[in-house]
Structures are given as structure tokens and as C-alpha cells.
N, C-alpha and C. Protein backbone atom coordinates (compact mmCIF):
# COMPACT_ATOMS: atom_id res chain seq x y z
N MET A 1 0.84 -1.15 0.00
CA MET A 1 0.00 0.00 0.00
C MET A 1 0.90 1.23 0.00
N PRO A 2 0.42 2.30 -0.58
CA PRO A 2 1.25 3.49 -0.61
C PRO A 2 1.51 4.01 0.81
N VAL A 3 2.65 4.62 0.98
CA VAL A 3 3.00 5.21 2.28
C VAL A 3 3.29 6.69 2.09
N ARG A 4 2.98 7.48 3.10
CA ARG A 4 3.24 8.91 3.05
C ARG A 4 4.67 9.16 3.52
N SER A 5 5.38 9.96 2.79
CA SER A 5 6.76 10.29 3.12
C SER A 5 6.80 11.48 4.06
N SER A 6 7.23 11.30 5.28
CA SER A 6 7.28 12.30 6.37
C SER A 6 6.04 13.18 6.38
N ASN A 7 6.19 14.49 6.24
CA ASN A 7 5.05 15.41 6.27
C ASN A 7 4.52 15.75 4.89
N SER A 8 5.00 15.05 3.89
CA SER A 8 4.62 15.33 2.51
C SER A 8 3.21 14.85 2.22
N ARG A 9 2.59 15.47 1.24
CA ARG A 9 1.28 15.02 0.77
C ARG A 9 1.43 13.95 -0.30
N VAL A 10 2.65 13.69 -0.68
CA VAL A 10 2.92 12.73 -1.75
C VAL A 10 2.93 11.31 -1.17
N LEU A 11 2.18 10.43 -1.83
CA LEU A 11 2.20 9.02 -1.45
C LEU A 11 3.24 8.31 -2.29
N ARG A 12 3.94 7.37 -1.67
CA ARG A 12 5.01 6.65 -2.35
C ARG A 12 4.72 5.16 -2.28
N TRP A 13 4.86 4.46 -3.41
CA TRP A 13 4.67 3.02 -3.44
C TRP A 13 5.94 2.36 -2.90
N PRO A 14 5.83 1.34 -2.06
CA PRO A 14 7.03 0.68 -1.52
C PRO A 14 7.91 0.13 -2.65
N ASP A 15 9.23 0.30 -2.52
CA ASP A 15 10.13 -0.18 -3.56
C ASP A 15 10.44 -1.67 -3.36
N GLU A 16 11.17 -2.21 -4.31
CA GLU A 16 11.49 -3.64 -4.32
C GLU A 16 12.17 -4.08 -3.03
N ASP A 17 13.10 -3.30 -2.53
CA ASP A 17 13.84 -3.67 -1.33
C ASP A 17 12.92 -3.71 -0.11
N ALA A 18 12.04 -2.72 0.03
CA ALA A 18 11.11 -2.69 1.16
C ALA A 18 10.15 -3.88 1.11
N VAL A 19 9.68 -4.20 -0.08
CA VAL A 19 8.77 -5.35 -0.23
C VAL A 19 9.51 -6.65 0.07
N ARG A 20 10.74 -6.77 -0.42
CA ARG A 20 11.52 -7.99 -0.18
C ARG A 20 11.80 -8.18 1.31
N ARG A 21 12.20 -7.12 1.99
CA ARG A 21 12.48 -7.21 3.43
C ARG A 21 11.22 -7.60 4.21
N ALA A 22 10.10 -6.99 3.88
CA ALA A 22 8.84 -7.32 4.56
C ALA A 22 8.44 -8.76 4.28
N ALA A 23 8.59 -9.20 3.04
CA ALA A 23 8.24 -10.57 2.68
C ALA A 23 9.14 -11.57 3.39
N LEU A 24 10.41 -11.26 3.50
CA LEU A 24 11.36 -12.14 4.18
C LEU A 24 11.00 -12.29 5.67
N ALA A 25 10.69 -11.19 6.33
CA ALA A 25 10.30 -11.24 7.74
C ALA A 25 9.00 -12.01 7.92
N TRP A 26 8.03 -11.76 7.03
CA TRP A 26 6.74 -12.46 7.09
C TRP A 26 6.95 -13.95 6.86
N ALA A 27 7.77 -14.31 5.89
CA ALA A 27 8.03 -15.72 5.57
C ALA A 27 8.71 -16.43 6.73
N ALA A 28 9.65 -15.77 7.39
CA ALA A 28 10.33 -16.38 8.54
C ALA A 28 9.35 -16.67 9.66
N GLU A 29 8.44 -15.74 9.92
CA GLU A 29 7.42 -15.94 10.96
C GLU A 29 6.48 -17.08 10.56
N LEU A 30 6.06 -17.10 9.30
CA LEU A 30 5.17 -18.16 8.83
C LEU A 30 5.85 -19.52 8.95
N ALA A 31 7.12 -19.59 8.61
CA ALA A 31 7.87 -20.86 8.69
C ALA A 31 7.93 -21.37 10.12
N ARG A 32 8.01 -20.46 11.08
CA ARG A 32 8.02 -20.87 12.50
C ARG A 32 6.68 -21.47 12.92
N ARG A 33 5.59 -20.93 12.37
CA ARG A 33 4.25 -21.36 12.76
C ARG A 33 3.69 -22.52 11.95
N GLU A 34 4.19 -22.73 10.74
CA GLU A 34 3.61 -23.72 9.82
C GLU A 34 4.60 -24.86 9.57
N PRO A 35 4.50 -25.94 10.32
CA PRO A 35 5.45 -27.05 10.14
C PRO A 35 5.31 -27.75 8.79
N THR A 36 4.17 -27.59 8.11
CA THR A 36 3.99 -28.25 6.81
C THR A 36 4.60 -27.46 5.66
N LEU A 37 5.06 -26.23 5.93
CA LEU A 37 5.63 -25.39 4.87
C LEU A 37 6.99 -25.93 4.44
N ILE A 38 7.12 -26.23 3.15
CA ILE A 38 8.38 -26.72 2.59
C ILE A 38 9.14 -25.58 1.92
N ARG A 39 8.43 -24.83 1.07
CA ARG A 39 9.06 -23.73 0.34
C ARG A 39 8.08 -22.56 0.25
N LEU A 40 8.64 -21.36 0.21
CA LEU A 40 7.83 -20.16 0.02
C LEU A 40 8.70 -19.15 -0.72
N GLY A 41 8.16 -18.61 -1.79
CA GLY A 41 8.91 -17.63 -2.56
C GLY A 41 8.01 -16.66 -3.28
N TYR A 42 8.63 -15.71 -3.97
CA TYR A 42 7.84 -14.76 -4.76
C TYR A 42 8.31 -14.79 -6.21
N PHE A 43 7.37 -14.49 -7.10
CA PHE A 43 7.64 -14.47 -8.53
C PHE A 43 6.90 -13.27 -9.12
N GLY A 44 7.01 -13.07 -10.40
CA GLY A 44 6.31 -11.95 -11.03
C GLY A 44 7.14 -10.68 -11.01
N SER A 45 6.46 -9.55 -10.98
CA SER A 45 7.13 -8.26 -11.18
C SER A 45 8.18 -7.93 -10.12
N TYR A 46 7.95 -8.31 -8.86
CA TYR A 46 8.98 -8.02 -7.85
C TYR A 46 10.18 -8.95 -7.99
N ALA A 47 9.99 -10.12 -8.53
CA ALA A 47 11.10 -11.06 -8.74
C ALA A 47 11.90 -10.72 -9.99
N ASN A 48 11.21 -10.26 -11.04
CA ASN A 48 11.94 -10.02 -12.30
C ASN A 48 12.30 -8.55 -12.53
N GLY A 49 12.01 -7.69 -11.54
CA GLY A 49 12.43 -6.30 -11.63
C GLY A 49 11.54 -5.39 -12.45
N THR A 50 10.33 -5.82 -12.78
CA THR A 50 9.43 -4.98 -13.58
C THR A 50 8.31 -4.35 -12.75
N TRP A 51 8.46 -4.35 -11.43
CA TRP A 51 7.43 -3.79 -10.55
C TRP A 51 7.27 -2.30 -10.81
N GLY A 52 6.12 -1.79 -10.43
CA GLY A 52 5.84 -0.36 -10.53
C GLY A 52 4.73 -0.01 -9.57
N VAL A 53 4.31 1.24 -9.60
CA VAL A 53 3.21 1.67 -8.73
C VAL A 53 1.99 0.80 -9.03
N GLY A 54 1.43 0.23 -7.99
CA GLY A 54 0.26 -0.63 -8.13
C GLY A 54 0.57 -2.10 -8.27
N SER A 55 1.84 -2.47 -8.36
CA SER A 55 2.20 -3.89 -8.49
C SER A 55 1.84 -4.64 -7.22
N ASP A 56 1.37 -5.86 -7.42
CA ASP A 56 1.11 -6.72 -6.26
C ASP A 56 2.28 -7.69 -6.10
N LEU A 57 2.28 -8.39 -4.98
CA LEU A 57 3.31 -9.39 -4.70
C LEU A 57 2.70 -10.76 -4.94
N ASP A 58 3.33 -11.55 -5.79
CA ASP A 58 2.86 -12.90 -6.10
C ASP A 58 3.71 -13.90 -5.34
N LEU A 59 3.08 -14.62 -4.41
CA LEU A 59 3.78 -15.61 -3.61
C LEU A 59 3.37 -17.01 -4.04
N VAL A 60 4.30 -17.94 -3.95
CA VAL A 60 4.01 -19.35 -4.20
C VAL A 60 4.57 -20.14 -3.02
N ALA A 61 3.76 -21.08 -2.53
CA ALA A 61 4.17 -21.90 -1.39
C ALA A 61 3.95 -23.36 -1.72
N VAL A 62 4.80 -24.19 -1.13
CA VAL A 62 4.65 -25.65 -1.24
C VAL A 62 4.56 -26.17 0.19
N VAL A 63 3.51 -26.95 0.44
CA VAL A 63 3.30 -27.56 1.76
C VAL A 63 3.28 -29.07 1.60
N THR A 64 3.54 -29.78 2.69
CA THR A 64 3.57 -31.24 2.60
C THR A 64 2.21 -31.79 2.20
N GLU A 65 1.15 -31.27 2.84
CA GLU A 65 -0.20 -31.72 2.53
C GLU A 65 -1.19 -30.68 3.02
N SER A 66 -2.43 -30.78 2.55
CA SER A 66 -3.47 -29.87 3.01
C SER A 66 -4.83 -30.53 2.81
N SER A 67 -5.71 -30.33 3.77
CA SER A 67 -7.07 -30.85 3.65
C SER A 67 -8.00 -29.80 3.03
N HIS A 68 -7.48 -28.60 2.81
CA HIS A 68 -8.28 -27.51 2.24
C HIS A 68 -8.18 -27.51 0.72
N PRO A 69 -9.24 -27.05 0.04
CA PRO A 69 -9.15 -26.91 -1.41
C PRO A 69 -8.13 -25.83 -1.78
N PHE A 70 -7.58 -25.93 -2.97
CA PHE A 70 -6.51 -25.04 -3.43
C PHE A 70 -6.81 -23.57 -3.16
N GLU A 71 -8.01 -23.12 -3.52
CA GLU A 71 -8.33 -21.69 -3.44
C GLU A 71 -8.49 -21.17 -2.01
N ARG A 72 -8.53 -22.06 -1.00
CA ARG A 72 -8.69 -21.60 0.39
C ARG A 72 -7.48 -21.87 1.27
N ARG A 73 -6.44 -22.42 0.72
CA ARG A 73 -5.29 -22.84 1.54
C ARG A 73 -4.57 -21.68 2.23
N ALA A 74 -4.52 -20.54 1.62
CA ALA A 74 -3.78 -19.41 2.21
C ALA A 74 -4.67 -18.51 3.07
N ASN A 75 -5.93 -18.86 3.23
CA ASN A 75 -6.85 -17.98 3.96
C ASN A 75 -6.41 -17.65 5.38
N SER A 76 -5.73 -18.56 6.03
CA SER A 76 -5.32 -18.31 7.42
C SER A 76 -3.96 -17.59 7.51
N TRP A 77 -3.35 -17.32 6.38
CA TRP A 77 -2.06 -16.63 6.37
C TRP A 77 -2.31 -15.13 6.22
N ASN A 78 -1.96 -14.35 7.21
CA ASN A 78 -2.25 -12.92 7.23
C ASN A 78 -1.28 -12.14 6.35
N VAL A 79 -1.66 -11.97 5.10
CA VAL A 79 -0.80 -11.22 4.17
C VAL A 79 -1.06 -9.72 4.24
N GLU A 80 -2.05 -9.32 5.03
CA GLU A 80 -2.37 -7.89 5.15
C GLU A 80 -1.25 -7.10 5.82
N VAL A 81 -0.33 -7.78 6.48
CA VAL A 81 0.81 -7.08 7.10
C VAL A 81 1.87 -6.71 6.07
N LEU A 82 1.79 -7.27 4.88
CA LEU A 82 2.76 -6.95 3.82
C LEU A 82 2.42 -5.58 3.21
N PRO A 83 3.42 -4.85 2.71
CA PRO A 83 3.20 -3.46 2.29
C PRO A 83 2.49 -3.26 0.95
N VAL A 84 2.23 -4.34 0.22
CA VAL A 84 1.53 -4.24 -1.07
C VAL A 84 0.47 -5.35 -1.13
N PRO A 85 -0.54 -5.20 -2.00
CA PRO A 85 -1.50 -6.29 -2.16
C PRO A 85 -0.76 -7.57 -2.55
N THR A 86 -1.25 -8.70 -2.04
CA THR A 86 -0.52 -9.96 -2.20
C THR A 86 -1.46 -11.09 -2.61
N ASP A 87 -1.02 -11.88 -3.57
CA ASP A 87 -1.70 -13.12 -3.97
C ASP A 87 -0.82 -14.28 -3.57
N VAL A 88 -1.43 -15.34 -3.03
CA VAL A 88 -0.67 -16.51 -2.60
C VAL A 88 -1.24 -17.76 -3.25
N LEU A 89 -0.38 -18.52 -3.91
CA LEU A 89 -0.74 -19.83 -4.46
C LEU A 89 -0.09 -20.88 -3.58
N VAL A 90 -0.88 -21.81 -3.05
CA VAL A 90 -0.35 -22.83 -2.15
C VAL A 90 -0.59 -24.20 -2.77
N TYR A 91 0.51 -24.89 -3.08
CA TYR A 91 0.48 -26.22 -3.68
C TYR A 91 0.93 -27.25 -2.65
N THR A 92 0.34 -28.44 -2.71
CA THR A 92 0.89 -29.54 -1.93
C THR A 92 2.13 -30.03 -2.67
N SER A 93 2.97 -30.80 -2.01
CA SER A 93 4.19 -31.28 -2.68
C SER A 93 3.86 -32.14 -3.89
N SER A 94 2.80 -32.94 -3.82
CA SER A 94 2.44 -33.76 -4.98
C SER A 94 1.91 -32.90 -6.12
N GLU A 95 1.14 -31.86 -5.82
CA GLU A 95 0.67 -30.94 -6.86
C GLU A 95 1.85 -30.20 -7.49
N TRP A 96 2.80 -29.80 -6.66
CA TRP A 96 3.98 -29.10 -7.16
C TRP A 96 4.76 -29.98 -8.12
N SER A 97 4.93 -31.24 -7.77
CA SER A 97 5.65 -32.19 -8.64
C SER A 97 4.94 -32.39 -9.96
N ALA A 98 3.61 -32.35 -9.95
CA ALA A 98 2.83 -32.59 -11.16
C ALA A 98 2.58 -31.33 -11.97
N LEU A 99 2.95 -30.17 -11.45
CA LEU A 99 2.63 -28.91 -12.11
C LEU A 99 3.17 -28.82 -13.53
N SER A 100 4.38 -29.30 -13.76
CA SER A 100 4.97 -29.18 -15.10
C SER A 100 4.21 -29.99 -16.14
N SER A 101 3.55 -31.06 -15.74
CA SER A 101 2.79 -31.84 -16.72
C SER A 101 1.41 -31.24 -16.98
N HIS A 102 0.88 -30.46 -16.04
CA HIS A 102 -0.45 -29.85 -16.21
C HIS A 102 -0.38 -28.43 -16.76
N SER A 103 0.65 -27.73 -16.41
CA SER A 103 0.78 -26.32 -16.79
C SER A 103 2.26 -26.01 -17.04
N ALA A 104 2.78 -26.57 -18.12
CA ALA A 104 4.22 -26.51 -18.39
C ALA A 104 4.76 -25.08 -18.46
N ARG A 105 4.05 -24.20 -19.11
CA ARG A 105 4.54 -22.83 -19.27
C ARG A 105 4.61 -22.10 -17.92
N PHE A 106 3.55 -22.25 -17.11
CA PHE A 106 3.54 -21.62 -15.79
C PHE A 106 4.62 -22.22 -14.90
N ALA A 107 4.77 -23.53 -14.95
CA ALA A 107 5.80 -24.21 -14.15
C ALA A 107 7.19 -23.71 -14.54
N ALA A 108 7.42 -23.51 -15.83
CA ALA A 108 8.72 -23.01 -16.30
C ALA A 108 8.96 -21.58 -15.81
N THR A 109 7.92 -20.76 -15.81
CA THR A 109 8.04 -19.40 -15.29
C THR A 109 8.39 -19.42 -13.82
N LEU A 110 7.70 -20.26 -13.05
CA LEU A 110 7.99 -20.36 -11.61
C LEU A 110 9.41 -20.85 -11.38
N GLU A 111 9.84 -21.82 -12.15
CA GLU A 111 11.20 -22.37 -12.00
C GLU A 111 12.25 -21.29 -12.29
N ARG A 112 12.01 -20.49 -13.30
CA ARG A 112 12.96 -19.48 -13.73
C ARG A 112 12.96 -18.24 -12.82
N GLU A 113 11.78 -17.81 -12.36
CA GLU A 113 11.64 -16.52 -11.69
C GLU A 113 11.62 -16.55 -10.17
N THR A 114 11.16 -17.62 -9.58
CA THR A 114 10.88 -17.58 -8.15
C THR A 114 12.13 -17.31 -7.31
N VAL A 115 11.99 -16.35 -6.42
CA VAL A 115 13.01 -16.03 -5.43
C VAL A 115 12.53 -16.69 -4.14
N TRP A 116 13.25 -17.73 -3.71
CA TRP A 116 12.81 -18.50 -2.54
C TRP A 116 13.21 -17.81 -1.25
N LEU A 117 12.25 -17.61 -0.37
CA LEU A 117 12.47 -17.00 0.94
C LEU A 117 12.62 -18.06 2.02
N VAL A 118 11.92 -19.17 1.84
CA VAL A 118 12.00 -20.33 2.74
C VAL A 118 12.22 -21.53 1.85
N ASP A 119 13.19 -22.36 2.18
CA ASP A 119 13.42 -23.59 1.41
C ASP A 119 13.87 -24.70 2.34
N ARG A 120 12.93 -25.55 2.70
CA ARG A 120 13.21 -26.71 3.54
C ARG A 120 13.20 -27.99 2.72
N SER A 121 13.32 -27.87 1.42
CA SER A 121 13.20 -29.04 0.55
C SER A 121 14.32 -30.05 0.75
N ASN A 122 15.43 -29.62 1.31
CA ASN A 122 16.54 -30.55 1.54
C ASN A 122 16.68 -30.96 3.00
N ASP A 123 15.71 -30.55 3.82
CA ASP A 123 15.75 -30.91 5.25
C ASP A 123 15.39 -32.36 5.48
């Protein structure tokens, strides 16, 4: 969300570094609370350097398993503390493994662009 700079009337959109730092702190806290979290990262405009005013943060997470449907898995994760609007895609590890066969182009984009903030895949 835009922030006001000191006493100025000008609103400023958070830059890439501010968003990255906030996402990293948020991810570390989430990793402490969510034992099923394997990986969490961001992709899209903040990952590839094309962000601008109004850009949202696109997060992707991999969890060991979930009893919730895909579209509701991130509902309990409070992304409102992040400085920009945020979308979260949460895949189970089996869905993540199968992603390239169902959505090859999207899987390739995620593989190429994602900046991982949490990675427990080798634990």
C-alpha cells in the first residue's frame, strides 16, 4: 500500500527492497508457525524487476499436505501485514511435482523466476 513520506502530501509506493524485506520477515514468521511449509517464494514483477506503482506481490508456497481446497489454503495466512496487495498460491508437494505436466509454461516461469524466501526441501 502506498505510504506517506514524512510530512509530505505525496504518497510513495514501496520499492522492491522494502517489499523484499517485509516478505522475508513475514516468511520467517510463517515458517516458524507452519510445520507443513516446505518452500515459500515470490515471482512476477517483484522477482523479475518490472514492478511499478500498483504492483502486487505474487507468492508461491509448497506444503507437505493440506485438507483444504486449493483456493482456500492461504486464507489463514495474514498477508495484510505486507506493504503491497498480495496473492498466494499454495500447492501440496504432490501438486507441485505434477505442475509441469499440467501447466508446463507456468511451471517453467515459476522455475525461472521464483526467489525462494523459505526452502526446507533438503531438510
